[in-house]
N, C-alpha and C. Protein backbone atom coordinates (compact mmCIF):
# COMPACT_ATOMS: atom_id res chain seq x y z
N UNK A 1 13.59 -10.23 12.71
CA UNK A 1 13.72 -8.80 12.94
C UNK A 1 15.20 -8.42 12.98
N UNK A 2 15.51 -7.35 12.29
CA UNK A 2 16.88 -6.85 12.26
C UNK A 2 17.17 -6.07 13.53
N UNK A 3 18.31 -6.37 14.13
CA UNK A 3 18.85 -5.54 15.20
C UNK A 3 20.36 -5.48 14.98
N UNK A 4 20.87 -4.28 14.81
CA UNK A 4 22.29 -4.07 14.55
C UNK A 4 22.87 -3.25 15.68
N UNK A 5 23.96 -3.73 16.26
CA UNK A 5 24.58 -3.05 17.40
C UNK A 5 25.94 -2.50 17.02
N UNK A 6 26.13 -1.24 17.33
CA UNK A 6 27.43 -0.60 17.16
C UNK A 6 27.98 -0.21 18.52
N UNK A 7 29.03 0.59 18.50
CA UNK A 7 29.61 1.06 19.76
C UNK A 7 28.70 2.06 20.46
N UNK A 8 28.05 2.91 19.70
CA UNK A 8 27.21 3.96 20.27
C UNK A 8 25.72 3.72 20.08
N UNK A 9 25.35 3.14 18.96
CA UNK A 9 23.94 3.04 18.60
C UNK A 9 23.48 1.59 18.45
N UNK A 10 22.18 1.43 18.61
CA UNK A 10 21.50 0.17 18.28
C UNK A 10 20.46 0.53 17.22
N UNK A 11 20.44 -0.22 16.14
CA UNK A 11 19.40 -0.08 15.13
C UNK A 11 18.41 -1.22 15.37
N UNK A 12 17.16 -0.88 15.53
CA UNK A 12 16.13 -1.86 15.87
C UNK A 12 14.80 -1.41 15.27
N UNK A 13 13.80 -2.28 15.37
CA UNK A 13 12.47 -1.93 14.88
C UNK A 13 11.92 -0.73 15.66
N UNK A 14 11.19 0.10 14.96
CA UNK A 14 10.45 1.18 15.63
C UNK A 14 9.32 0.55 16.44
N UNK A 15 8.92 1.21 17.49
CA UNK A 15 7.85 0.71 18.37
C UNK A 15 6.59 1.57 18.19
N UNK A 16 5.44 0.94 18.34
CA UNK A 16 4.18 1.67 18.15
C UNK A 16 4.08 2.88 19.06
N UNK A 17 4.63 2.78 20.26
CA UNK A 17 4.55 3.92 21.18
C UNK A 17 5.46 5.08 20.77
N UNK A 18 6.27 4.89 19.74
CA UNK A 18 7.15 5.95 19.24
C UNK A 18 6.52 6.75 18.10
N UNK A 19 5.27 6.45 17.78
CA UNK A 19 4.57 7.13 16.68
C UNK A 19 4.65 8.65 16.81
N UNK A 20 4.27 9.18 17.96
CA UNK A 20 4.23 10.64 18.14
C UNK A 20 5.61 11.27 17.98
N UNK A 21 6.64 10.63 18.50
CA UNK A 21 8.00 11.18 18.38
C UNK A 21 8.45 11.20 16.93
N UNK A 22 8.15 10.14 16.18
CA UNK A 22 8.54 10.09 14.77
C UNK A 22 7.73 11.12 13.98
N UNK A 23 6.46 11.21 14.26
CA UNK A 23 5.60 12.18 13.56
C UNK A 23 6.06 13.61 13.83
N UNK A 24 6.39 13.92 15.07
CA UNK A 24 6.86 15.27 15.42
C UNK A 24 8.17 15.58 14.70
N UNK A 25 9.06 14.60 14.62
CA UNK A 25 10.33 14.80 13.92
C UNK A 25 10.09 15.06 12.44
N UNK A 26 9.17 14.34 11.84
CA UNK A 26 8.85 14.57 10.43
C UNK A 26 8.33 15.98 10.22
N UNK A 27 7.52 16.46 11.14
CA UNK A 27 6.98 17.82 11.03
C UNK A 27 8.07 18.87 11.14
N UNK A 28 9.06 18.63 11.98
CA UNK A 28 10.18 19.58 12.08
C UNK A 28 11.00 19.58 10.79
N UNK A 29 11.17 18.41 10.19
CA UNK A 29 11.99 18.32 8.98
C UNK A 29 11.25 18.82 7.74
N UNK A 30 9.95 18.56 7.69
CA UNK A 30 9.15 18.93 6.51
C UNK A 30 7.91 19.72 6.94
N UNK A 31 8.12 20.94 7.43
CA UNK A 31 6.99 21.71 7.98
C UNK A 31 5.96 22.13 6.93
N UNK A 32 6.28 22.01 5.65
CA UNK A 32 5.31 22.42 4.64
C UNK A 32 4.30 21.31 4.34
N UNK A 33 4.51 20.11 4.91
CA UNK A 33 3.59 19.00 4.71
C UNK A 33 2.85 18.70 6.02
N UNK A 34 1.71 19.35 6.27
CA UNK A 34 1.00 19.10 7.53
C UNK A 34 0.50 17.65 7.58
N UNK A 35 0.43 17.07 8.79
CA UNK A 35 -0.05 15.69 8.90
C UNK A 35 -1.51 15.58 8.47
N UNK A 36 -1.81 14.46 7.87
CA UNK A 36 -3.18 14.15 7.46
C UNK A 36 -3.51 12.75 7.95
N UNK A 37 -4.77 12.38 7.85
CA UNK A 37 -5.16 11.01 8.23
C UNK A 37 -4.39 10.00 7.37
N UNK A 38 -4.22 10.30 6.09
CA UNK A 38 -3.52 9.38 5.19
C UNK A 38 -2.03 9.28 5.56
N UNK A 39 -1.40 10.41 5.88
CA UNK A 39 0.02 10.35 6.25
C UNK A 39 0.21 9.64 7.59
N UNK A 40 -0.73 9.80 8.50
CA UNK A 40 -0.66 9.07 9.77
C UNK A 40 -0.80 7.57 9.54
N UNK A 41 -1.71 7.16 8.65
CA UNK A 41 -1.86 5.73 8.33
C UNK A 41 -0.56 5.18 7.74
N UNK A 42 0.06 5.94 6.83
CA UNK A 42 1.33 5.48 6.22
C UNK A 42 2.42 5.35 7.27
N UNK A 43 2.49 6.29 8.19
CA UNK A 43 3.50 6.23 9.24
C UNK A 43 3.24 5.04 10.17
N UNK A 44 1.99 4.81 10.54
CA UNK A 44 1.68 3.65 11.39
C UNK A 44 2.06 2.34 10.69
N UNK A 45 1.79 2.26 9.40
CA UNK A 45 2.16 1.06 8.62
C UNK A 45 3.68 0.91 8.58
N UNK A 46 4.38 2.00 8.39
CA UNK A 46 5.84 1.99 8.37
C UNK A 46 6.39 1.47 9.69
N UNK A 47 5.82 1.92 10.79
CA UNK A 47 6.26 1.47 12.12
C UNK A 47 5.94 -0.01 12.31
N UNK A 48 4.75 -0.45 11.89
CA UNK A 48 4.37 -1.86 12.04
C UNK A 48 5.30 -2.79 11.28
N UNK A 49 5.73 -2.40 10.10
CA UNK A 49 6.58 -3.29 9.30
C UNK A 49 8.08 -3.07 9.54
N UNK A 50 8.42 -2.13 10.41
CA UNK A 50 9.83 -1.83 10.63
C UNK A 50 10.56 -3.03 11.24
N UNK A 51 11.86 -3.05 11.02
CA UNK A 51 12.67 -4.13 11.56
C UNK A 51 12.89 -5.27 10.58
N UNK A 52 12.22 -5.21 9.44
CA UNK A 52 12.41 -6.23 8.41
C UNK A 52 12.20 -5.59 7.04
N UNK A 53 12.82 -6.16 6.04
CA UNK A 53 12.63 -5.68 4.67
C UNK A 53 11.24 -6.12 4.21
N UNK A 54 10.37 -5.16 3.97
CA UNK A 54 8.99 -5.45 3.57
C UNK A 54 8.60 -4.52 2.44
N UNK A 55 8.18 -5.09 1.35
CA UNK A 55 7.75 -4.31 0.19
C UNK A 55 8.81 -3.31 -0.26
N UNK A 56 10.06 -3.70 -0.14
CA UNK A 56 11.15 -2.84 -0.59
C UNK A 56 11.58 -1.77 0.41
N UNK A 57 11.11 -1.85 1.65
CA UNK A 57 11.43 -0.84 2.67
C UNK A 57 11.97 -1.53 3.92
N UNK A 58 13.03 -0.98 4.46
CA UNK A 58 13.57 -1.43 5.75
C UNK A 58 13.74 -0.18 6.61
N UNK A 59 12.90 -0.05 7.63
CA UNK A 59 12.95 1.09 8.54
C UNK A 59 13.43 0.63 9.90
N UNK A 60 14.35 1.40 10.49
CA UNK A 60 14.91 1.08 11.79
C UNK A 60 15.00 2.33 12.66
N UNK A 61 14.81 2.12 13.95
CA UNK A 61 15.03 3.18 14.93
C UNK A 61 16.52 3.28 15.22
N UNK A 62 16.98 4.48 15.54
CA UNK A 62 18.33 4.68 16.06
C UNK A 62 18.18 4.94 17.55
N UNK A 63 18.73 4.04 18.35
CA UNK A 63 18.62 4.14 19.79
C UNK A 63 20.00 4.34 20.39
N UNK A 64 20.09 5.23 21.36
CA UNK A 64 21.32 5.49 22.11
C UNK A 64 20.97 5.44 23.59
N UNK A 65 21.63 4.56 24.31
CA UNK A 65 21.40 4.42 25.76
C UNK A 65 19.91 4.29 26.09
N UNK A 66 19.20 3.48 25.29
CA UNK A 66 17.77 3.25 25.54
C UNK A 66 16.85 4.35 25.08
N UNK A 67 17.37 5.36 24.40
CA UNK A 67 16.59 6.54 23.98
C UNK A 67 16.53 6.61 22.46
N UNK A 68 15.32 6.80 21.91
CA UNK A 68 15.14 6.98 20.48
C UNK A 68 15.72 8.33 20.08
N UNK A 69 16.72 8.33 19.19
CA UNK A 69 17.32 9.59 18.75
C UNK A 69 17.06 9.88 17.28
N UNK A 70 16.57 8.87 16.52
CA UNK A 70 16.33 9.09 15.11
C UNK A 70 15.88 7.82 14.43
N UNK A 71 15.87 7.88 13.10
CA UNK A 71 15.55 6.68 12.33
C UNK A 71 16.41 6.64 11.08
N UNK A 72 16.56 5.44 10.56
CA UNK A 72 17.36 5.21 9.36
C UNK A 72 16.64 4.13 8.56
N UNK A 73 16.72 4.25 7.26
CA UNK A 73 16.03 3.26 6.45
C UNK A 73 16.68 3.08 5.10
N UNK A 74 16.30 1.98 4.49
CA UNK A 74 16.74 1.66 3.13
C UNK A 74 15.49 1.42 2.29
N UNK A 75 15.54 1.92 1.07
CA UNK A 75 14.41 1.78 0.15
C UNK A 75 14.88 1.08 -1.12
N UNK A 76 14.04 0.18 -1.59
CA UNK A 76 14.24 -0.46 -2.87
C UNK A 76 12.87 -0.83 -3.42
N UNK A 77 12.02 0.17 -3.64
CA UNK A 77 10.68 -0.13 -4.13
C UNK A 77 10.75 -0.81 -5.50
N UNK A 78 9.95 -1.86 -5.65
CA UNK A 78 9.96 -2.61 -6.90
C UNK A 78 9.66 -1.70 -8.08
N UNK A 79 10.48 -1.79 -9.10
CA UNK A 79 10.30 -1.00 -10.30
C UNK A 79 10.85 0.41 -10.23
N UNK A 80 11.22 0.86 -9.04
CA UNK A 80 11.72 2.23 -8.89
C UNK A 80 13.24 2.29 -9.03
N UNK A 81 13.92 1.24 -8.63
CA UNK A 81 15.38 1.18 -8.69
C UNK A 81 15.79 -0.15 -9.32
N UNK A 82 16.94 -0.19 -9.97
CA UNK A 82 17.39 -1.46 -10.54
C UNK A 82 17.66 -2.49 -9.43
N UNK A 83 17.64 -3.77 -9.77
CA UNK A 83 17.93 -4.80 -8.77
C UNK A 83 19.30 -4.55 -8.12
N UNK A 84 19.37 -4.77 -6.82
CA UNK A 84 20.63 -4.61 -6.09
C UNK A 84 20.95 -3.20 -5.65
N UNK A 85 20.09 -2.24 -5.99
CA UNK A 85 20.33 -0.85 -5.61
C UNK A 85 19.38 -0.46 -4.48
N UNK A 86 19.96 0.09 -3.42
CA UNK A 86 19.20 0.57 -2.27
C UNK A 86 19.51 2.04 -2.06
N UNK A 87 18.52 2.77 -1.55
CA UNK A 87 18.71 4.17 -1.21
C UNK A 87 18.50 4.35 0.29
N UNK A 88 19.43 5.05 0.92
CA UNK A 88 19.38 5.29 2.36
C UNK A 88 18.68 6.61 2.67
N UNK A 89 18.07 6.63 3.84
CA UNK A 89 17.55 7.87 4.41
C UNK A 89 17.82 7.84 5.89
N UNK A 90 18.20 8.95 6.46
CA UNK A 90 18.51 8.99 7.89
C UNK A 90 18.08 10.33 8.46
N UNK A 91 17.65 10.29 9.71
CA UNK A 91 17.32 11.54 10.37
C UNK A 91 17.56 11.40 11.87
N UNK A 92 18.21 12.40 12.42
CA UNK A 92 18.35 12.51 13.87
C UNK A 92 17.31 13.54 14.30
N UNK A 93 16.53 13.22 15.32
CA UNK A 93 15.36 14.00 15.67
C UNK A 93 15.67 15.31 16.38
N UNK A 94 16.76 15.37 17.12
CA UNK A 94 17.05 16.56 17.93
C UNK A 94 18.44 17.08 17.58
N UNK A 95 18.54 18.37 17.42
CA UNK A 95 19.83 19.01 17.09
C UNK A 95 20.93 18.63 18.08
N UNK A 96 20.57 18.42 19.34
CA UNK A 96 21.59 18.12 20.36
C UNK A 96 22.23 16.75 20.16
N UNK A 97 21.63 15.89 19.34
CA UNK A 97 22.20 14.57 19.07
C UNK A 97 23.10 14.57 17.84
N UNK A 98 23.18 15.69 17.16
CA UNK A 98 24.04 15.76 15.97
C UNK A 98 25.48 16.02 16.38
N UNK A 99 26.40 15.55 15.54
CA UNK A 99 27.82 15.77 15.79
C UNK A 99 28.43 14.82 16.81
N UNK A 100 27.70 13.79 17.19
CA UNK A 100 28.19 12.83 18.18
C UNK A 100 28.55 11.48 17.57
N UNK A 101 28.42 11.38 16.26
CA UNK A 101 28.77 10.13 15.58
C UNK A 101 27.63 9.14 15.45
N UNK A 102 26.43 9.50 15.94
CA UNK A 102 25.31 8.57 15.88
C UNK A 102 24.88 8.31 14.43
N UNK A 103 24.76 9.37 13.65
CA UNK A 103 24.35 9.22 12.26
C UNK A 103 25.38 8.46 11.44
N UNK A 104 26.65 8.74 11.67
CA UNK A 104 27.72 8.06 10.94
C UNK A 104 27.69 6.57 11.25
N UNK A 105 27.58 6.22 12.53
CA UNK A 105 27.57 4.81 12.88
C UNK A 105 26.33 4.10 12.35
N UNK A 106 25.17 4.76 12.42
CA UNK A 106 23.94 4.17 11.89
C UNK A 106 24.05 3.94 10.39
N UNK A 107 24.61 4.91 9.67
CA UNK A 107 24.80 4.78 8.23
C UNK A 107 25.74 3.62 7.92
N UNK A 108 26.82 3.52 8.66
CA UNK A 108 27.78 2.44 8.45
C UNK A 108 27.16 1.07 8.74
N UNK A 109 26.45 0.95 9.85
CA UNK A 109 25.83 -0.33 10.20
C UNK A 109 24.83 -0.77 9.14
N UNK A 110 23.96 0.14 8.71
CA UNK A 110 22.93 -0.22 7.75
C UNK A 110 23.54 -0.53 6.38
N UNK A 111 24.52 0.25 5.96
CA UNK A 111 25.16 -0.01 4.68
C UNK A 111 25.80 -1.40 4.67
N UNK A 112 26.55 -1.72 5.71
CA UNK A 112 27.16 -3.04 5.81
C UNK A 112 26.12 -4.14 5.81
N UNK A 113 25.02 -3.94 6.52
CA UNK A 113 23.94 -4.93 6.55
C UNK A 113 23.35 -5.15 5.16
N UNK A 114 23.16 -4.09 4.40
CA UNK A 114 22.61 -4.24 3.05
C UNK A 114 23.53 -5.06 2.15
N UNK A 115 24.83 -4.82 2.25
CA UNK A 115 25.77 -5.61 1.45
C UNK A 115 25.84 -7.05 1.93
N UNK A 116 25.80 -7.25 3.25
CA UNK A 116 25.96 -8.60 3.81
C UNK A 116 24.70 -9.45 3.72
N UNK A 117 23.55 -8.86 3.96
CA UNK A 117 22.33 -9.66 4.12
C UNK A 117 21.30 -9.50 3.00
N UNK A 118 21.42 -8.47 2.18
CA UNK A 118 20.38 -8.20 1.19
C UNK A 118 20.91 -8.10 -0.24
N UNK A 119 22.10 -8.62 -0.46
CA UNK A 119 22.68 -8.69 -1.80
C UNK A 119 22.73 -7.34 -2.51
N UNK A 120 22.96 -6.30 -1.75
CA UNK A 120 23.11 -4.97 -2.37
C UNK A 120 24.36 -4.96 -3.24
N UNK A 121 24.28 -4.29 -4.34
CA UNK A 121 25.43 -4.06 -5.22
C UNK A 121 25.82 -2.58 -5.18
N UNK A 122 24.87 -1.75 -4.79
CA UNK A 122 25.07 -0.30 -4.72
C UNK A 122 24.15 0.26 -3.64
N UNK A 123 24.69 1.14 -2.82
CA UNK A 123 23.89 1.85 -1.82
C UNK A 123 24.09 3.34 -2.10
N UNK A 124 23.00 4.06 -2.24
CA UNK A 124 23.08 5.48 -2.56
C UNK A 124 22.29 6.30 -1.56
N UNK A 125 22.62 7.57 -1.50
CA UNK A 125 21.94 8.49 -0.58
C UNK A 125 22.11 9.91 -1.09
N UNK A 126 21.18 10.76 -0.70
CA UNK A 126 21.28 12.17 -1.04
C UNK A 126 21.22 12.99 0.24
N UNK A 127 21.74 14.20 0.14
CA UNK A 127 21.65 15.16 1.23
C UNK A 127 21.68 16.56 0.65
N UNK A 128 21.11 17.49 1.37
CA UNK A 128 21.15 18.90 0.95
C UNK A 128 22.61 19.29 0.70
N UNK A 129 22.86 20.00 -0.38
CA UNK A 129 24.25 20.36 -0.71
C UNK A 129 24.92 21.15 0.41
N UNK A 130 24.14 21.82 1.24
CA UNK A 130 24.74 22.61 2.32
C UNK A 130 25.00 21.78 3.59
N UNK A 131 24.58 20.51 3.60
CA UNK A 131 24.75 19.66 4.79
C UNK A 131 26.16 19.05 4.78
N UNK A 132 27.12 19.87 5.14
CA UNK A 132 28.52 19.45 5.10
C UNK A 132 28.82 18.29 6.04
N UNK A 133 28.15 18.23 7.18
CA UNK A 133 28.39 17.14 8.13
C UNK A 133 28.02 15.79 7.51
N UNK A 134 26.85 15.71 6.87
CA UNK A 134 26.44 14.45 6.26
C UNK A 134 27.32 14.11 5.07
N UNK A 135 27.70 15.11 4.33
CA UNK A 135 28.58 14.86 3.18
C UNK A 135 29.92 14.27 3.65
N UNK A 136 30.44 14.79 4.77
CA UNK A 136 31.69 14.24 5.33
C UNK A 136 31.49 12.80 5.79
N UNK A 137 30.34 12.50 6.37
CA UNK A 137 30.05 11.12 6.79
C UNK A 137 30.11 10.19 5.58
N UNK A 138 29.40 10.55 4.52
CA UNK A 138 29.40 9.70 3.32
C UNK A 138 30.82 9.49 2.82
N UNK A 139 31.57 10.57 2.70
CA UNK A 139 32.93 10.46 2.16
C UNK A 139 33.83 9.62 3.07
N UNK A 140 33.69 9.78 4.37
CA UNK A 140 34.48 8.99 5.33
C UNK A 140 34.18 7.50 5.19
N UNK A 141 32.94 7.16 4.88
CA UNK A 141 32.54 5.76 4.74
C UNK A 141 32.81 5.18 3.36
N UNK A 142 33.36 5.98 2.45
CA UNK A 142 33.70 5.47 1.13
C UNK A 142 32.68 5.74 0.05
N UNK A 143 31.62 6.48 0.38
CA UNK A 143 30.66 6.88 -0.64
C UNK A 143 31.33 7.92 -1.55
N UNK A 144 30.97 7.91 -2.82
CA UNK A 144 31.54 8.83 -3.80
C UNK A 144 30.46 9.83 -4.22
N UNK A 145 30.85 11.10 -4.27
CA UNK A 145 29.92 12.14 -4.74
C UNK A 145 29.77 11.96 -6.25
N UNK A 146 28.53 11.75 -6.69
CA UNK A 146 28.28 11.49 -8.11
C UNK A 146 27.67 12.66 -8.84
N UNK A 147 27.25 13.68 -8.11
CA UNK A 147 26.69 14.84 -8.78
C UNK A 147 25.66 15.53 -7.93
N UNK A 148 25.06 16.58 -8.50
CA UNK A 148 24.07 17.38 -7.80
C UNK A 148 22.73 17.24 -8.49
N UNK A 149 21.72 16.96 -7.71
CA UNK A 149 20.35 16.89 -8.20
C UNK A 149 19.75 18.28 -7.99
N UNK A 150 19.65 19.02 -9.07
CA UNK A 150 19.20 20.41 -8.98
C UNK A 150 17.70 20.49 -8.71
N UNK A 151 17.34 21.42 -7.83
CA UNK A 151 15.93 21.67 -7.50
C UNK A 151 15.22 20.37 -7.10
N UNK A 152 15.87 19.56 -6.31
CA UNK A 152 15.41 18.20 -6.01
C UNK A 152 14.32 18.15 -4.94
N UNK A 153 14.58 18.78 -3.79
CA UNK A 153 13.68 18.61 -2.64
C UNK A 153 12.96 19.92 -2.35
N UNK A 154 11.65 19.82 -2.11
CA UNK A 154 10.91 21.03 -1.75
C UNK A 154 11.16 21.34 -0.27
N UNK A 155 11.13 22.60 0.03
CA UNK A 155 11.32 23.06 1.41
C UNK A 155 10.52 24.34 1.60
N UNK A 156 10.53 24.85 2.81
CA UNK A 156 9.81 26.09 3.07
C UNK A 156 10.44 27.26 2.31
N UNK A 157 11.68 27.10 1.85
CA UNK A 157 12.37 28.15 1.09
C UNK A 157 12.30 27.95 -0.41
N UNK A 158 11.54 26.99 -0.87
CA UNK A 158 11.47 26.70 -2.30
C UNK A 158 12.04 25.32 -2.58
N UNK A 159 12.76 25.17 -3.67
CA UNK A 159 13.37 23.88 -4.04
C UNK A 159 14.85 23.93 -3.70
N UNK A 160 15.36 22.84 -3.16
CA UNK A 160 16.76 22.75 -2.72
C UNK A 160 17.53 21.77 -3.61
N UNK A 161 18.80 22.08 -3.85
CA UNK A 161 19.68 21.16 -4.55
C UNK A 161 20.18 20.10 -3.56
N UNK A 162 20.33 18.87 -4.05
CA UNK A 162 20.81 17.77 -3.22
C UNK A 162 22.01 17.12 -3.89
N UNK A 163 22.95 16.67 -3.07
CA UNK A 163 24.14 15.97 -3.55
C UNK A 163 23.86 14.47 -3.50
N UNK A 164 24.21 13.76 -4.58
CA UNK A 164 24.03 12.31 -4.66
C UNK A 164 25.35 11.63 -4.36
N UNK A 165 25.31 10.67 -3.45
CA UNK A 165 26.47 9.85 -3.09
C UNK A 165 26.12 8.39 -3.28
N UNK A 166 27.13 7.56 -3.57
CA UNK A 166 26.91 6.11 -3.67
C UNK A 166 28.19 5.37 -3.35
N UNK A 167 27.99 4.14 -2.89
CA UNK A 167 29.10 3.22 -2.65
C UNK A 167 28.70 1.88 -3.27
N UNK A 168 29.63 1.24 -3.97
CA UNK A 168 29.36 -0.06 -4.56
C UNK A 168 29.88 -1.15 -3.64
N UNK A 169 29.47 -2.36 -3.92
CA UNK A 169 29.94 -3.51 -3.14
C UNK A 169 31.46 -3.56 -3.15
N UNK A 170 32.08 -3.33 -4.31
CA UNK A 170 33.55 -3.37 -4.41
C UNK A 170 34.19 -2.25 -3.60
N UNK A 171 33.61 -1.04 -3.68
CA UNK A 171 34.11 0.09 -2.89
C UNK A 171 34.07 -0.25 -1.40
N UNK A 172 32.93 -0.81 -0.98
CA UNK A 172 32.71 -1.10 0.44
C UNK A 172 33.73 -2.14 0.92
N UNK A 173 33.93 -3.18 0.13
CA UNK A 173 34.89 -4.23 0.51
C UNK A 173 36.28 -3.64 0.66
N UNK A 174 36.68 -2.75 -0.25
CA UNK A 174 38.00 -2.10 -0.16
C UNK A 174 38.11 -1.27 1.11
N UNK A 175 37.05 -0.51 1.42
CA UNK A 175 37.05 0.34 2.63
C UNK A 175 37.16 -0.51 3.89
N UNK A 176 36.48 -1.64 3.91
CA UNK A 176 36.49 -2.50 5.09
C UNK A 176 37.86 -3.18 5.27
N UNK A 177 38.54 -3.43 4.16
CA UNK A 177 39.88 -4.05 4.22
C UNK A 177 40.98 -3.07 4.57
N UNK A 178 40.71 -1.77 4.35
CA UNK A 178 41.75 -0.75 4.56
C UNK A 178 42.03 -0.52 6.03
């Protein structure tokens, strides 16, 4: 089981008793997708396999001072991405936990872990073009803005444009040496 410790956050496996908190956070982020029996089964499976790379997915809880504040994950579904390429996803569950460096540290810890332990050659992530805080996090960590994915993500307001960022193994090594 993966457990990564930073100065502020611990990345660890999600716990079965955290199902409701994760489900509620998903509903706040994606209110146009109401929960179904099938989506609940997928979430329970995700929680059960969290903490290890399984079927191309690595899901981890973000914990601060013993409290679940969000989740972070890496995806590399077979056939969906080239070998060595991982895609990150991160979410902080409560607005009051944003701006405290938790997301930045979680992103940094997981990215480093992917390069060190999972032979990543490229780590990529997207964010809403208007999410300036996340865009600054990516840039601070050495991710490069590669372009805009137009009409990428559905939302209650229609389709949203997303910015694509990526960091390569070489980029990451340079950033760590700097």
